[in-house]
Amino acid sequence: MYKKFALTLCLGIGSLMAQNKKPNILYIMSDDHSAAAIGAYSTTLKGFIDTPNMDRLANEGALFTNVHCTNSLCAPSRSAILTGMYGHKNGVVTLREDLNTKDMPTVPGQLKKAGYATSVIGKWHIHGDNMYGFDHYEITTSQGSYFNPGLGTSEGKKSYKGYSSDVYTDISLDWLKQRDKTKPFILMTHYKAAHGPWEFAPRHKDLFKDVTIPEPTTLFDDYATRDPNGVPKKQSRIHNEGSKMSLSFWFGNGKKGQSGEWPTGTEKFTGTKVEIAKQTYQKYIKDYMRCVKGIDEGIGRLLDYLEAEGELDNTIIIYTSDQGMYIGEHGFFDKRLGLNPAVKMPLIIRYPKTIKAGTKITEMVNNVDYAESLIAMGGGEIPSSMQGFSFWDLAQGKETNWPRQQTIYTFYSNGTPKHYGLTTKDYKMLKYLDKAGNTIGMDLFDRHADPNETNSLAKNPEYKAIIAKLEQSLKDEMKSISMTDDHLPGRFNPTAGKPKVKKVKKVKKDKKAAK
């Protein structure tokens, strides 16, 4: 009788412990991955893009369709995700600033306090002293190479052979196998792909070879119906310099290769300017999608491991990118200019214990919200310094009064005019600035009637009242995030008066892989 009671008690305690077990968190982030280049988002590339594992996550979880970057540039976005603060607060608004998190709450720091084993692997691209909270890290402090990457660790540099997406997956799997399995984990696997220069794994060289990929409707946008002050003078264009795709943005000054040369070899396109632009687009989009394929395969391997370990359904799996990307829209490649392709971030979350399969989330989210959401997933304490909202309840269908109704965008760097603005449910307003931060132009887009953002309404007198309302909403949003006019692009110098902080030891520039 006693033995039977004891056995029942043990089984009951074991069942209760299993129910109370904290979920693991696998946070997978790529670089410059357009939501349009994921099958689950059902864009013109659906049926052409090959992303079965990303699509699986969406089909078995939640697909967010209204996620916005607050600054479409690698380091600022990644810093916002890490700290839960806007760039004017964490001090990173371009690629030049350091982020020191010794005295700053972060995602890994808060989850470590909540009992998690913490690791980040792959592309980091945040300079400064900011590895606090991570038990383990192997990262590139800058872009890193597509082939044979060198990674910075707490013990110094490690060099690896192979294609970066495969290498980062291998290291992630090794860490998962060797981790302290008495603790839940958060593993942040950051892929370099699909960032330029779009060097794909050799096994994918014939992928899409005999396929014609659909062109975006705005490939030959002439920008005639928008404010000329918002038209980038140096934004990377597919048809530029006599209809030749200018790669000088990536490979100029001999820093990353020979200016104008295609990263996967010299290409010779012939015909009219339009024909050359069409051929260039096909080359670009195919190389881009080949890089995406490498990410998707890595995700598949991670899912297979978790399933074999019996941890798949106890792991919250997030897939996202640090920002959006132009993949031919408006004739661009790269990001930066705050139109939809650059600003829209993919976000997919799978956790079958609490997220219903096939969920679609249309509420507005931005990347500052990521930190609080990740901490909430692990039951950690959300610090008062963080400026976003947790979308974890939203993903699970528990949120009934989602607070974010608008989001700000700021761009401080180069390659496109300095600008800032506001996006609401119905409209987007972008204001263009000179180098001193003075407003020199503005665009207004109707998000429903003009989803491609080609027709500015800023000078239409019928929208005067709407513009006035948006101007007030912009002021209100700035006030809510403690942003003043002195924080605007062209006026804000986050390094003024600050001593340089000690940096994580930089990885030496990777040698270009032999082809």
Protein backbone atom coordinates (compact mmCIF):
# COMPACT_ATOMS: atom_id res chain seq x y z
CA MET A 1 0.00 0.00 0.00
CA TYR A 2 2.77 2.40 0.99
CA LYS A 3 4.85 1.54 -2.12
CA LYS A 4 1.83 2.10 -4.35
CA PHE A 5 1.19 5.48 -2.71
CA ALA A 6 4.88 6.46 -3.02
CA LEU A 7 4.94 5.47 -6.69
CA THR A 8 1.78 7.47 -7.35
CA LEU A 9 3.24 10.46 -5.51
CA CYS A 10 6.49 10.30 -7.51
CA LEU A 11 4.63 10.03 -10.78
CA GLY A 12 2.47 12.98 -9.77
CA ILE A 13 5.47 15.10 -8.83
CA GLY A 14 7.22 14.11 -12.06
CA SER A 15 4.16 15.07 -14.09
CA LEU A 16 3.90 18.41 -12.26
CA MET A 17 7.61 19.12 -12.84
CA ALA A 18 7.19 18.37 -16.54
CA GLN A 19 4.22 20.75 -16.70
CA ASN A 20 6.18 23.48 -14.92
CA LYS A 21 9.33 23.00 -17.00
CA LYS A 22 10.40 26.23 -18.60
CA PRO A 23 10.46 26.19 -22.38
CA ASN A 24 13.70 26.29 -24.31
CA ILE A 25 14.07 29.21 -26.72
CA LEU A 26 15.69 28.87 -30.13
CA TYR A 27 16.02 32.33 -31.68
CA ILE A 28 17.09 32.14 -35.31
CA MET A 29 17.91 35.42 -37.04
CA SER A 30 19.14 35.94 -40.55
CA ASP A 31 20.48 39.15 -42.06
CA ASP A 32 18.62 41.23 -44.65
CA HIS A 33 15.97 38.58 -45.24
CA SER A 34 12.95 40.05 -46.98
CA ALA A 35 9.63 38.65 -45.80
CA ALA A 36 8.78 38.47 -49.51
CA ALA A 37 11.41 35.73 -49.84
CA ILE A 38 9.62 33.28 -47.54
CA GLY A 39 6.99 31.01 -49.04
CA ALA A 40 4.62 31.39 -46.09
CA TYR A 41 4.21 35.11 -46.79
CA SER A 42 2.51 34.30 -50.11
CA THR A 43 4.08 37.05 -52.22
CA THR A 44 4.87 37.00 -55.94
CA LEU A 45 7.80 34.69 -55.12
CA LYS A 46 5.51 31.98 -53.68
CA GLY A 47 6.00 28.87 -55.75
CA PHE A 48 9.54 29.97 -56.63
CA ILE A 49 11.25 30.55 -53.27
CA ASP A 50 12.22 27.25 -51.61
CA THR A 51 11.75 27.56 -47.83
CA PRO A 52 10.01 24.39 -46.58
CA ASN A 53 11.34 24.61 -43.01
CA MET A 54 10.43 28.27 -42.53
CA ASP A 55 7.03 27.47 -44.01
CA ARG A 56 6.66 24.56 -41.59
CA LEU A 57 7.29 26.88 -38.63
CA ALA A 58 4.59 29.23 -39.94
CA ASN A 59 2.10 26.44 -40.67
CA GLU A 60 2.60 24.98 -37.19
CA GLY A 61 2.80 28.31 -35.38
CA ALA A 62 2.16 32.05 -35.73
CA LEU A 63 3.01 34.23 -38.72
CA PHE A 64 3.33 37.95 -37.95
CA THR A 65 2.48 40.13 -40.94
CA ASN A 66 2.93 43.68 -39.60
CA VAL A 67 6.41 43.81 -38.04
CA HIS A 68 8.50 46.96 -38.48
CA CYS A 69 12.15 47.79 -38.07
CA THR A 70 12.85 51.11 -36.34
CA ASN A 71 16.17 51.64 -38.17
CA SER A 72 16.90 49.39 -41.14
CA LEU A 73 20.60 48.87 -40.56
CA CYS A 74 22.35 45.89 -38.98
CA ALA A 75 23.97 47.22 -35.80
CA PRO A 76 21.12 49.56 -34.76
CA SER A 77 18.50 46.88 -35.25
CA ARG A 78 20.50 44.21 -33.44
CA SER A 79 21.20 46.60 -30.56
CA ALA A 80 17.49 47.39 -30.26
CA ILE A 81 16.66 43.67 -30.17
CA LEU A 82 19.33 43.00 -27.54
CA THR A 83 18.49 45.91 -25.23
CA GLY A 84 14.80 46.60 -25.88
CA MET A 85 15.68 50.27 -26.37
CA TYR A 86 15.55 52.63 -29.32
CA GLY A 87 18.86 53.77 -30.79
CA HIS A 88 18.76 57.22 -29.21
CA LYS A 89 18.65 55.45 -25.83
CA ASN A 90 21.17 52.62 -26.31
CA GLY A 91 23.47 54.86 -28.35
CA VAL A 92 23.69 52.79 -31.55
CA VAL A 93 22.19 54.54 -34.58
CA THR A 94 24.73 53.73 -37.33
CA LEU A 95 27.45 51.12 -37.85
CA ARG A 96 30.02 53.26 -36.03
CA GLU A 97 28.96 53.32 -32.37
CA ASP A 98 29.93 50.94 -29.58
CA LEU A 99 27.40 49.28 -27.30
CA ASN A 100 28.55 48.64 -23.74
CA THR A 101 26.08 46.48 -21.81
CA LYS A 102 27.99 45.99 -18.56
CA ASP A 103 25.44 48.12 -16.71
CA MET A 104 22.58 47.65 -19.15
CA PRO A 105 19.86 44.97 -18.94
CA THR A 106 19.75 42.70 -21.98
CA VAL A 107 17.90 39.61 -23.19
CA PRO A 108 20.64 37.10 -22.24
CA GLY A 109 21.28 38.81 -18.91
CA GLN A 110 17.63 38.66 -17.85
CA LEU A 111 17.16 35.08 -19.02
CA LYS A 112 20.38 33.97 -17.32
CA LYS A 113 18.94 35.37 -14.08
CA ALA A 114 15.80 33.30 -14.79
CA GLY A 115 17.88 30.12 -14.87
CA TYR A 116 18.64 29.79 -18.58
CA ALA A 117 21.80 28.56 -20.26
CA THR A 118 22.62 31.25 -22.82
CA SER A 119 24.51 31.12 -26.12
CA VAL A 120 24.87 33.13 -29.32
CA ILE A 121 26.51 31.83 -32.49
CA GLY A 122 27.15 33.50 -35.83
CA LYS A 123 26.92 37.07 -37.05
CA TRP A 124 26.76 39.62 -34.24
CA HIS A 125 27.88 42.92 -35.77
CA ILE A 126 27.55 45.01 -32.63
CA HIS A 127 30.81 46.64 -31.62
CA GLY A 128 31.77 47.25 -28.02
CA ASP A 129 31.78 45.39 -24.72
CA ASN A 130 28.45 43.60 -24.92
CA MET A 131 28.77 39.87 -24.29
CA TYR A 132 27.44 40.12 -20.73
CA GLY A 133 24.84 37.48 -19.94
CA PHE A 134 26.09 34.93 -22.46
CA ASP A 135 27.54 31.69 -21.08
CA HIS A 136 28.92 30.97 -24.52
CA TYR A 137 29.49 32.93 -27.69
CA GLU A 138 31.16 32.42 -31.07
CA ILE A 139 30.55 35.49 -33.17
CA THR A 140 31.69 37.78 -35.95
CA THR A 141 31.96 41.30 -34.59
CA SER A 142 31.68 42.61 -38.15
CA GLN A 143 30.25 41.16 -41.37
CA GLY A 144 32.26 37.96 -41.41
CA SER A 145 32.81 35.83 -44.50
CA TYR A 146 30.46 33.54 -46.33
CA PHE A 147 33.25 30.97 -46.53
CA ASN A 148 35.71 29.81 -43.87
CA PRO A 149 34.50 32.19 -41.13
CA GLY A 150 36.61 33.28 -38.20
CA LEU A 151 34.72 33.71 -34.94
CA GLY A 152 35.54 35.57 -31.75
CA THR A 153 35.10 33.66 -28.50
CA SER A 154 35.90 34.23 -24.83
CA GLU A 155 39.10 32.29 -25.48
CA GLY A 156 40.13 34.14 -28.63
CA LYS A 157 39.64 33.56 -32.32
CA LYS A 158 38.50 30.27 -33.81
CA SER A 159 38.69 29.53 -37.51
CA TYR A 160 36.38 27.17 -39.35
CA LYS A 161 36.27 25.65 -42.81
CA GLY A 162 33.11 25.59 -44.85
CA TYR A 163 30.10 27.65 -45.82
CA SER A 164 29.01 30.01 -43.05
CA SER A 165 25.37 28.89 -42.83
CA ASP A 166 26.52 25.28 -42.49
CA VAL A 167 29.26 26.20 -40.01
CA TYR A 168 26.93 28.22 -37.77
CA THR A 169 24.44 25.35 -37.77
CA ASP A 170 27.20 22.86 -36.89
CA ILE A 171 28.40 24.98 -33.97
CA SER A 172 24.83 25.46 -32.76
CA LEU A 173 24.25 21.72 -32.79
CA ASP A 174 27.52 21.11 -30.95
CA TRP A 175 26.52 23.56 -28.23
CA LEU A 176 23.08 21.97 -27.91
CA LYS A 177 24.65 18.56 -27.46
CA GLN A 178 27.16 19.75 -24.85
CA ARG A 179 24.94 22.18 -22.92
CA ASP A 180 23.90 21.79 -19.29
CA LYS A 181 20.71 19.80 -19.83
CA THR A 182 19.45 20.50 -16.32
CA LYS A 183 18.68 24.05 -17.47
CA PRO A 184 16.39 25.44 -20.14
CA PHE A 185 18.33 27.19 -22.89
CA ILE A 186 18.18 30.18 -25.12
CA LEU A 187 20.27 29.69 -28.22
CA MET A 188 20.58 32.59 -30.64
CA THR A 189 21.73 31.31 -34.03
CA HIS A 190 22.52 34.27 -36.30
CA TYR A 191 23.16 33.61 -39.99
CA LYS A 192 25.17 35.95 -42.21
CA ALA A 193 22.91 35.16 -45.16
CA ALA A 194 21.18 36.70 -46.99
CA HIS A 195 23.37 39.81 -46.64
CA GLY A 196 25.50 40.95 -49.57
CA PRO A 197 27.60 39.81 -51.33
CA TRP A 198 25.19 36.84 -51.75
CA GLU A 199 27.71 34.05 -52.01
CA PHE A 200 25.76 30.80 -51.95
CA ALA A 201 26.84 27.26 -51.07
CA PRO A 202 28.34 25.53 -54.13
CA ARG A 203 25.65 22.82 -53.93
CA HIS A 204 23.05 25.45 -54.82
CA LYS A 205 24.69 26.83 -57.96
CA ASP A 206 22.09 25.26 -60.26
CA LEU A 207 19.09 26.03 -58.07
CA PHE A 208 16.61 28.14 -60.09
CA LYS A 209 18.91 27.77 -63.12
CA ASP A 210 16.20 27.31 -65.74
CA VAL A 211 13.51 29.37 -64.01
CA THR A 212 12.43 32.94 -64.70
CA ILE A 213 11.64 34.62 -61.40
CA PRO A 214 8.72 37.12 -61.40
CA GLU A 215 9.77 40.76 -61.32
CA PRO A 216 8.42 43.14 -58.70
CA THR A 217 5.91 45.59 -60.15
CA THR A 218 8.10 48.51 -59.10
CA LEU A 219 11.35 47.25 -60.63
CA PHE A 220 11.39 50.21 -63.03
CA ASP A 221 10.09 52.82 -60.59
CA ASP A 222 11.06 56.29 -61.81
CA TYR A 223 10.30 57.99 -58.44
CA ALA A 224 8.36 60.71 -60.26
CA THR A 225 5.43 60.73 -57.84
CA ARG A 226 7.44 61.16 -54.62
CA ASP A 227 9.42 63.96 -53.04
CA PRO A 228 12.78 64.24 -54.87
CA ASN A 229 14.53 64.87 -51.55
CA GLY A 230 13.61 61.33 -50.55
CA VAL A 231 15.06 59.70 -53.63
CA PRO A 232 18.41 58.15 -52.72
CA LYS A 233 21.40 59.41 -54.65
CA LYS A 234 23.63 56.52 -53.59
CA GLN A 235 21.12 53.78 -52.78
CA SER A 236 22.20 50.57 -54.48
CA ARG A 237 20.25 50.19 -57.68
CA ILE A 238 19.74 47.30 -60.03
CA HIS A 239 19.58 49.64 -63.01
CA ASN A 240 22.13 52.37 -62.44
CA GLU A 241 25.25 53.78 -64.09
CA GLY A 242 23.97 53.18 -67.57
CA SER A 243 21.66 50.35 -66.42
CA LYS A 244 24.54 48.38 -64.91
CA MET A 245 23.92 47.19 -61.35
CA SER A 246 26.27 49.20 -59.20
CA LEU A 247 28.03 46.95 -56.74
CA SER A 248 30.38 49.75 -55.73
CA PHE A 249 28.20 50.21 -52.64
CA TRP A 250 29.43 46.82 -51.41
CA PHE A 251 32.80 46.49 -53.05
CA GLY A 252 34.04 50.06 -53.35
CA ASN A 253 37.52 51.27 -52.43
CA GLY A 254 38.93 47.76 -52.71
CA LYS A 255 37.63 46.86 -49.25
CA LYS A 256 35.44 43.91 -50.15
CA GLY A 257 36.46 43.06 -53.68
CA GLN A 258 36.73 44.83 -56.99
CA SER A 259 34.16 47.56 -57.51
CA GLY A 260 31.43 46.60 -59.94
CA GLU A 261 32.31 42.90 -60.09
CA TRP A 262 29.60 40.39 -59.27
CA PRO A 263 30.43 38.51 -56.05
CA THR A 264 30.04 35.10 -57.65
CA GLY A 265 32.00 35.96 -60.78
CA THR A 266 32.05 38.38 -63.71
CA GLU A 267 28.74 38.66 -65.54
CA LYS A 268 28.26 40.05 -69.03
CA PHE A 269 24.74 41.19 -69.80
CA THR A 270 23.79 42.44 -73.26
CA GLY A 271 20.86 44.15 -74.95
CA THR A 272 18.92 47.31 -74.27
CA LYS A 273 19.05 49.05 -70.90
CA VAL A 274 15.77 47.43 -69.92
CA GLU A 275 16.98 43.99 -71.02
CA ILE A 276 20.21 44.39 -69.05
CA ALA A 277 18.25 45.44 -65.96
CA LYS A 278 15.99 42.40 -66.30
CA GLN A 279 18.98 40.07 -66.62
CA THR A 280 20.66 41.73 -63.65
CA TYR A 281 17.53 41.26 -61.54
CA GLN A 282 17.40 37.56 -62.42
CA LYS A 283 21.03 37.09 -61.39
CA TYR A 284 20.55 39.01 -58.15
CA ILE A 285 17.30 37.38 -57.03
CA LYS A 286 18.54 33.87 -57.80
CA ASP A 287 21.77 34.34 -55.86
CA TYR A 288 19.77 35.88 -53.02
CA MET A 289 17.32 32.97 -52.90
CA ARG A 290 20.21 30.50 -53.02
CA CYS A 291 21.57 32.11 -49.86
CA VAL A 292 18.11 31.84 -48.27
CA LYS A 293 18.03 28.14 -49.16
CA GLY A 294 21.17 27.59 -47.06
CA ILE A 295 19.46 29.18 -44.05
CA ASP A 296 16.38 27.04 -44.50
CA GLU A 297 18.45 23.87 -44.61
CA GLY A 298 20.16 24.88 -41.37
CA ILE A 299 16.78 25.39 -39.72
CA GLY A 300 15.78 21.92 -40.84
CA ARG A 301 18.82 20.38 -39.19
CA LEU A 302 18.10 22.22 -35.92
CA LEU A 303 14.49 21.03 -35.98
CA ASP A 304 15.61 17.45 -36.64
CA TYR A 305 17.93 17.52 -33.63
CA LEU A 306 15.30 18.91 -31.28
CA GLU A 307 12.80 16.34 -32.48
CA ALA A 308 15.25 13.48 -31.96
CA GLU A 309 15.97 14.76 -28.45
CA GLY A 310 12.27 14.98 -27.61
CA GLU A 311 12.61 18.77 -27.10
CA LEU A 312 10.94 20.09 -30.23
CA ASP A 313 7.55 20.83 -28.72
CA ASN A 314 9.12 22.17 -25.52
CA THR A 315 11.13 24.73 -27.49
CA ILE A 316 9.81 28.11 -28.56
CA ILE A 317 11.28 28.56 -32.04
CA ILE A 318 11.49 32.07 -33.46
CA TYR A 319 12.56 32.93 -36.99
CA THR A 320 13.20 36.52 -37.98
CA SER A 321 15.64 38.87 -39.71
CA ASP A 322 17.36 41.98 -38.40
CA GLN A 323 15.48 44.05 -40.98
CA GLY A 324 13.85 43.80 -44.38
CA MET A 325 15.54 44.09 -47.77
CA TYR A 326 14.91 45.42 -51.24
CA ILE A 327 14.95 42.51 -53.64
CA GLY A 328 14.24 44.52 -56.77
CA GLU A 329 11.39 46.68 -55.47
CA HIS A 330 11.78 50.28 -56.64
CA GLY A 331 14.81 49.09 -58.59
CA PHE A 332 16.84 48.67 -55.39
CA PHE A 333 18.96 46.15 -53.61
CA ASP A 334 20.08 46.80 -49.99
CA LYS A 335 17.76 48.35 -47.35
CA ARG A 336 17.98 51.78 -45.55
CA LEU A 337 15.24 53.84 -47.24
CA GLY A 338 12.17 53.49 -45.01
CA LEU A 339 9.74 52.10 -47.57
CA ASN A 340 8.00 48.82 -46.83
CA PRO A 341 10.49 46.27 -48.30
CA ALA A 342 13.31 47.56 -46.07
CA VAL A 343 11.20 48.08 -42.96
CA LYS A 344 9.02 44.95 -42.95
CA MET A 345 10.60 42.17 -40.88
CA PRO A 346 9.64 38.49 -41.09
CA LEU A 347 8.60 37.00 -37.74
CA ILE A 348 7.45 33.42 -37.19
CA ILE A 349 7.01 31.68 -33.83
CA ARG A 350 6.30 27.98 -33.26
CA TYR A 351 5.29 26.62 -29.86
CA PRO A 352 2.46 24.10 -30.16
CA LYS A 353 1.81 23.98 -26.41
CA THR A 354 0.23 27.43 -26.47
CA ILE A 355 0.24 28.71 -30.08
CA LYS A 356 -2.44 27.41 -32.39
CA ALA A 357 -1.16 26.15 -35.76
CA GLY A 358 -1.81 28.53 -38.63
CA THR A 359 -2.18 31.64 -36.45
CA LYS A 360 -1.78 34.97 -38.23
CA ILE A 361 -0.96 38.09 -36.24
CA THR A 362 -1.82 41.36 -37.98
CA GLU A 363 -1.23 43.75 -35.05
CA MET A 364 1.68 46.17 -35.39
CA VAL A 365 4.98 45.13 -33.77
CA ASN A 366 8.47 46.61 -33.97
CA ASN A 367 11.94 45.26 -33.23
CA VAL A 368 12.21 47.10 -29.89
CA ASP A 369 9.41 44.74 -28.75
CA TYR A 370 11.58 41.64 -29.26
CA ALA A 371 13.58 41.90 -26.03
CA GLU A 372 10.61 42.02 -23.67
CA SER A 373 8.92 39.24 -25.62
CA LEU A 374 11.91 36.90 -25.35
CA ILE A 375 12.26 37.61 -21.64
CA ALA A 376 8.54 36.98 -21.12
CA MET A 377 8.82 33.65 -22.92
CA GLY A 378 11.31 32.53 -20.28
CA GLY A 379 9.44 33.99 -17.33
CA GLY A 380 12.19 36.54 -16.67
CA GLU A 381 11.85 39.97 -15.13
CA ILE A 382 11.36 42.74 -17.67
CA PRO A 383 13.46 45.77 -16.65
CA SER A 384 12.04 49.28 -16.62
CA SER A 385 14.72 50.46 -19.08
CA MET A 386 13.09 48.52 -21.92
CA GLN A 387 10.79 50.59 -24.12
CA GLY A 388 8.72 48.06 -26.01
CA PHE A 389 5.80 45.72 -25.42
CA SER A 390 5.89 41.94 -25.05
CA PHE A 391 4.05 40.26 -27.91
CA TRP A 392 4.24 36.83 -26.24
CA ASP A 393 0.62 36.94 -25.05
CA LEU A 394 -0.37 38.26 -28.48
CA ALA A 395 1.23 35.24 -30.15
CA GLN A 396 -0.67 32.89 -27.85
CA GLY A 397 -4.03 34.54 -28.47
CA LYS A 398 -4.22 35.98 -24.93
CA GLU A 399 -3.77 39.67 -25.73
CA THR A 400 -7.04 41.53 -26.30
CA ASN A 401 -5.87 45.13 -26.06
CA TRP A 402 -2.56 45.36 -27.92
CA PRO A 403 -1.08 48.81 -27.18
CA ARG A 404 1.10 49.48 -30.23
CA GLN A 405 -0.89 51.47 -32.77
CA GLN A 406 2.01 53.29 -34.44
CA THR A 407 5.77 53.01 -34.80
CA ILE A 408 8.59 55.44 -35.50
CA TYR A 409 11.37 55.03 -38.06
CA THR A 410 14.72 56.84 -38.00
CA PHE A 411 17.68 56.57 -40.35
CA TYR A 412 20.95 58.29 -39.40
CA SER A 413 23.55 56.75 -41.70
CA ASN A 414 24.60 57.04 -45.34
CA GLY A 415 23.55 55.61 -48.68
CA THR A 416 20.16 57.30 -48.58
CA PRO A 417 18.89 60.63 -47.24
CA LYS A 418 18.65 61.01 -43.50
CA HIS A 419 15.01 60.66 -42.62
CA TYR A 420 12.46 59.75 -39.99
CA GLY A 421 8.74 59.27 -39.80
CA LEU A 422 5.73 57.46 -38.47
CA THR A 423 3.73 54.45 -39.58
CA THR A 424 0.16 53.95 -38.42
CA LYS A 425 -2.50 51.44 -39.37
CA ASP A 426 -3.51 53.53 -42.36
CA TYR A 427 -0.63 55.84 -43.29
CA LYS A 428 3.12 56.23 -43.47
CA MET A 429 4.75 59.65 -43.24
CA LEU A 430 8.46 60.08 -43.99
CA LYS A 431 10.31 63.37 -43.45
CA TYR A 432 13.65 63.97 -45.20
CA LEU A 433 16.45 65.95 -43.59
CA ASP A 434 19.62 67.71 -44.64
CA LYS A 435 22.93 66.98 -42.94
CA ALA A 436 22.13 69.46 -40.17
CA GLY A 437 18.81 67.78 -39.42
CA ASN A 438 16.56 70.37 -41.06
CA THR A 439 13.44 69.10 -42.84
CA ILE A 440 13.71 69.47 -46.61
CA GLY A 441 10.89 67.25 -47.84
CA MET A 442 8.14 64.80 -46.95
CA ASP A 443 6.14 61.89 -48.35
CA LEU A 444 2.78 60.51 -47.25
CA PHE A 445 1.51 57.11 -48.34
CA ASP A 446 -1.87 55.45 -47.95
CA ARG A 447 -0.93 51.95 -46.74
CA HIS A 448 -4.14 50.39 -48.06
CA ALA A 449 -4.68 52.14 -51.39
CA ASP A 450 -0.97 52.30 -52.22
CA PRO A 451 0.82 49.31 -50.62
CA ASN A 452 3.80 49.73 -52.97
CA GLU A 453 4.30 53.31 -51.72
CA THR A 454 4.73 54.90 -55.11
CA ASN A 455 2.27 57.81 -54.90
CA SER A 456 2.98 60.52 -52.31
CA LEU A 457 -0.03 62.42 -51.00
CA ALA A 458 2.03 64.98 -49.07
CA LYS A 459 1.17 67.86 -51.41
CA ASN A 460 -2.45 66.89 -51.89
CA PRO A 461 -4.56 69.56 -50.12
CA GLU A 462 -7.23 66.96 -49.33
CA TYR A 463 -4.79 65.33 -46.88
CA LYS A 464 -3.88 68.47 -44.96
CA ALA A 465 -5.91 67.44 -41.90
CA ILE A 466 -4.51 63.90 -41.97
CA ILE A 467 -0.95 65.26 -42.11
CA ALA A 468 -1.65 67.55 -39.15
CA LYS A 469 -2.99 64.59 -37.19
CA LEU A 470 0.07 62.49 -38.09
CA GLU A 471 2.40 65.31 -37.07
CA GLN A 472 0.77 65.35 -33.63
CA SER A 473 0.91 61.55 -33.42
CA LEU A 474 4.61 61.69 -34.29
CA LYS A 475 5.22 64.18 -31.48
CA ASP A 476 3.26 61.96 -29.09
CA GLU A 477 5.25 58.88 -30.12
CA MET A 478 8.56 60.69 -29.68
CA LYS A 479 7.51 61.86 -26.24
CA SER A 480 6.45 58.34 -25.23
CA ILE A 481 9.94 56.98 -26.02
CA SER A 482 11.79 59.99 -24.51
CA MET A 483 12.95 61.21 -27.90
CA THR A 484 13.49 64.92 -28.50
CA ASP A 485 14.23 66.93 -31.63
CA ASP A 486 17.90 66.80 -30.63
CA HIS A 487 17.79 63.03 -31.19
CA LEU A 488 16.74 63.37 -34.84
CA PRO A 489 19.02 62.25 -37.69
CA GLY A 490 21.55 64.94 -38.52
CA ARG A 491 21.37 66.40 -35.00
CA PHE A 492 22.16 63.44 -32.78
CA ASN A 493 25.74 62.53 -31.91
CA PRO A 494 25.59 59.55 -29.52
CA THR A 495 29.37 59.50 -29.00
CA ALA A 496 29.71 63.14 -27.96
CA GLY A 497 31.51 63.36 -24.65
CA LYS A 498 31.67 59.60 -24.20
CA PRO A 499 34.94 57.76 -23.52
CA LYS A 500 35.59 54.81 -25.78
CA VAL A 501 34.75 51.55 -24.06
CA LYS A 502 36.77 48.39 -24.08
CA LYS A 503 35.76 46.27 -27.05
CA VAL A 504 35.44 42.54 -27.42
CA LYS A 505 38.56 41.35 -29.17
CA LYS A 506 37.95 41.77 -32.87
CA VAL A 507 38.26 38.92 -35.29
CA LYS A 508 40.81 39.53 -38.00
CA LYS A 509 39.40 39.94 -41.45
CA ASP A 510 38.58 36.57 -42.93
CA LYS A 511 40.49 35.54 -45.97
CA LYS A 512 38.44 35.26 -49.11
CA ALA A 513 37.62 31.64 -49.81
CA ALA A 514 39.24 30.05 -52.79
CA LYS A 515 36.71 29.41 -55.47
